[in-house]
């Protein structure tokens, strides 16, 4: 919880003079990026935040949000401004497979899975001197076109 409070205090609307320092750990930069992404989803996109950092047996889902009647699984990638690979391109086929299994596990465990769900990526570009940039990539192909949650078919 202390790490979350520290990340929350780094948000621009809380204290705009603080940015993640270059000697911050990867976990601290990641928590800061997730806090920025969660704030972006609520304020800019109008999503309802359902949960953060949901852990399944296959992996972790950074953010799970609701966009009207659609369940949105969001992977947050925080990268330095000078990184060679963007957050979007850092998700390879192995990571997509882990995310796919984890999303399926989440869908199968809830009592009334939604009819519509999708996978998004939020890429947070961290900069020491300038404002951080948040890029949202919507509806990334992770599920095949006719995929339905198993529990949904039983209803």
Protein backbone atom coordinates (compact mmCIF):
# COMPACT_ATOMS: atom_id res chain seq x y z
CA UNK A 1 0.00 0.00 0.00
CA UNK A 2 2.89 2.34 0.72
CA UNK A 3 4.13 1.88 -2.85
CA UNK A 4 0.66 2.76 -4.19
CA UNK A 5 0.57 5.94 -2.08
CA UNK A 6 3.98 6.93 -3.35
CA UNK A 7 2.86 6.34 -6.94
CA UNK A 8 -0.37 8.27 -6.33
CA UNK A 9 1.62 11.23 -4.99
CA UNK A 10 3.58 11.25 -8.24
CA UNK A 11 0.45 11.88 -10.33
CA UNK A 12 0.39 15.25 -12.13
CA UNK A 13 -2.80 16.49 -10.48
CA UNK A 14 -1.47 15.70 -6.99
CA UNK A 15 1.95 17.31 -7.26
CA UNK A 16 3.09 18.31 -10.74
CA UNK A 17 6.69 19.05 -9.76
CA UNK A 18 7.55 15.42 -8.98
CA UNK A 19 8.49 12.96 -11.71
CA UNK A 20 9.94 9.47 -11.30
CA UNK A 21 13.62 9.92 -10.68
CA UNK A 22 16.13 8.13 -12.91
CA UNK A 23 17.34 5.98 -10.01
CA UNK A 24 13.83 4.67 -9.24
CA UNK A 25 13.45 0.92 -9.33
CA UNK A 26 11.61 -0.84 -12.11
CA UNK A 27 8.77 -1.66 -9.70
CA UNK A 28 8.43 2.01 -8.71
CA UNK A 29 8.38 3.14 -12.35
CA UNK A 30 5.84 0.43 -13.11
CA UNK A 31 3.60 1.44 -10.20
CA UNK A 32 3.83 5.07 -11.31
CA UNK A 33 2.93 4.10 -14.88
CA UNK A 34 -0.04 2.02 -13.69
CA UNK A 35 -1.27 4.89 -11.51
CA UNK A 36 -1.06 7.26 -14.50
CA UNK A 37 -2.86 4.74 -16.69
CA UNK A 38 -5.63 4.18 -14.12
CA UNK A 39 -6.12 7.93 -13.80
CA UNK A 40 -6.16 8.28 -17.60
CA UNK A 41 -8.82 5.56 -17.90
CA UNK A 42 -11.07 7.21 -15.31
CA UNK A 43 -10.65 10.85 -16.25
CA UNK A 44 -10.02 10.88 -20.00
CA UNK A 45 -11.73 7.73 -21.22
CA UNK A 46 -14.56 7.59 -18.69
CA UNK A 47 -13.95 3.93 -17.80
CA UNK A 48 -15.04 2.45 -14.50
CA UNK A 49 -12.06 0.86 -12.77
CA UNK A 50 -13.02 -2.64 -11.60
CA UNK A 51 -9.70 -3.89 -10.26
CA UNK A 52 -5.95 -3.36 -10.42
CA UNK A 53 -3.24 -6.01 -10.50
CA UNK A 54 -5.52 -9.05 -10.62
CA UNK A 55 -3.44 -12.21 -10.15
CA UNK A 56 -4.42 -15.51 -11.70
CA UNK A 57 -2.50 -18.75 -11.84
CA UNK A 58 -1.12 -17.86 -15.29
CA UNK A 59 -0.16 -14.23 -14.74
CA UNK A 60 -1.33 -10.77 -13.82
CA UNK A 61 -3.76 -8.30 -15.40
CA UNK A 62 -2.73 -4.71 -14.72
CA UNK A 63 -6.14 -3.05 -15.03
CA UNK A 64 -9.64 -4.38 -15.55
CA UNK A 65 -12.15 -1.68 -16.45
CA UNK A 66 -15.71 -1.29 -17.63
CA UNK A 67 -16.49 0.72 -20.75
CA UNK A 68 -20.30 0.90 -20.83
CA UNK A 69 -21.30 -2.76 -21.39
CA UNK A 70 -17.77 -3.92 -22.38
CA UNK A 71 -15.20 -5.43 -20.04
CA UNK A 72 -11.73 -4.07 -20.87
CA UNK A 73 -8.51 -5.84 -19.94
CA UNK A 74 -5.60 -3.39 -20.00
CA UNK A 75 -1.88 -4.10 -20.06
CA UNK A 76 0.19 -1.10 -18.96
CA UNK A 77 3.72 -0.67 -20.28
CA UNK A 78 5.84 2.08 -18.74
CA UNK A 79 8.95 2.94 -20.73
CA UNK A 80 11.64 5.58 -20.56
CA UNK A 81 11.51 8.26 -23.23
CA UNK A 82 14.77 6.99 -24.72
CA UNK A 83 13.74 3.33 -24.84
CA UNK A 84 14.52 1.57 -28.11
CA UNK A 85 11.23 -0.38 -28.14
CA UNK A 86 7.85 1.16 -27.41
CA UNK A 87 5.56 -0.37 -24.83
CA UNK A 88 3.18 -1.48 -27.55
CA UNK A 89 5.89 -3.36 -29.42
CA UNK A 90 7.35 -4.87 -26.25
CA UNK A 91 4.44 -7.33 -25.99
CA UNK A 92 5.54 -10.42 -27.89
CA UNK A 93 3.58 -13.57 -28.74
CA UNK A 94 4.58 -15.29 -25.50
CA UNK A 95 3.29 -12.38 -23.40
CA UNK A 96 0.08 -12.30 -25.47
CA UNK A 97 -0.42 -16.01 -24.80
CA UNK A 98 0.00 -15.47 -21.05
CA UNK A 99 -2.41 -12.52 -21.14
CA UNK A 100 -4.92 -14.55 -23.17
CA UNK A 101 -4.89 -17.41 -20.64
CA UNK A 102 -5.16 -14.98 -17.72
CA UNK A 103 -8.08 -13.11 -19.31
CA UNK A 104 -9.85 -16.41 -19.96
CA UNK A 105 -9.29 -17.42 -16.36
CA UNK A 106 -10.82 -14.15 -15.13
CA UNK A 107 -13.82 -14.51 -17.46
CA UNK A 108 -14.44 -18.10 -16.38
CA UNK A 109 -14.38 -17.31 -12.68
CA UNK A 110 -16.94 -14.48 -12.63
CA UNK A 111 -20.58 -15.45 -12.26
CA UNK A 112 -22.03 -13.36 -15.09
CA UNK A 113 -19.36 -12.68 -17.69
CA UNK A 114 -20.19 -9.87 -20.09
CA UNK A 115 -21.10 -10.53 -23.68
CA UNK A 116 -18.46 -8.05 -24.91
CA UNK A 117 -14.86 -7.77 -23.79
CA UNK A 118 -11.63 -6.58 -25.34
CA UNK A 119 -7.93 -6.11 -24.71
CA UNK A 120 -6.22 -2.69 -24.71
CA UNK A 121 -2.64 -1.55 -24.20
CA UNK A 122 -1.69 1.69 -22.49
CA UNK A 123 1.86 2.82 -23.20
CA UNK A 124 3.24 5.33 -20.68
CA UNK A 125 6.34 7.22 -21.84
CA UNK A 126 8.22 8.43 -18.76
CA UNK A 127 10.23 11.61 -19.07
CA UNK A 128 12.29 13.38 -16.42
CA UNK A 129 12.06 16.90 -17.86
CA UNK A 130 8.75 16.94 -19.76
CA UNK A 131 5.23 15.76 -19.04
CA UNK A 132 4.70 12.02 -19.27
CA UNK A 133 2.84 10.80 -22.36
CA UNK A 134 0.05 8.25 -22.23
CA UNK A 135 -0.84 6.43 -25.44
CA UNK A 136 -3.90 4.21 -25.63
CA UNK A 137 -4.14 1.35 -28.13
CA UNK A 138 -7.70 0.07 -28.25
CA UNK A 139 -8.99 -3.38 -29.17
CA UNK A 140 -5.72 -5.26 -29.66
CA UNK A 141 -6.33 -8.72 -31.18
CA UNK A 142 -6.01 -11.21 -28.34
CA UNK A 143 -9.23 -13.24 -28.64
CA UNK A 144 -10.45 -14.78 -31.84
CA UNK A 145 -13.52 -13.23 -33.41
CA UNK A 146 -16.12 -15.66 -32.10
CA UNK A 147 -14.66 -16.31 -28.65
CA UNK A 148 -17.22 -16.44 -25.84
CA UNK A 149 -16.66 -16.91 -22.14
CA UNK A 150 -17.58 -20.44 -21.10
CA UNK A 151 -19.98 -19.33 -18.34
CA UNK A 152 -21.78 -17.03 -20.77
CA UNK A 153 -22.82 -19.99 -22.92
CA UNK A 154 -24.49 -21.72 -19.92
CA UNK A 155 -26.96 -18.89 -19.30
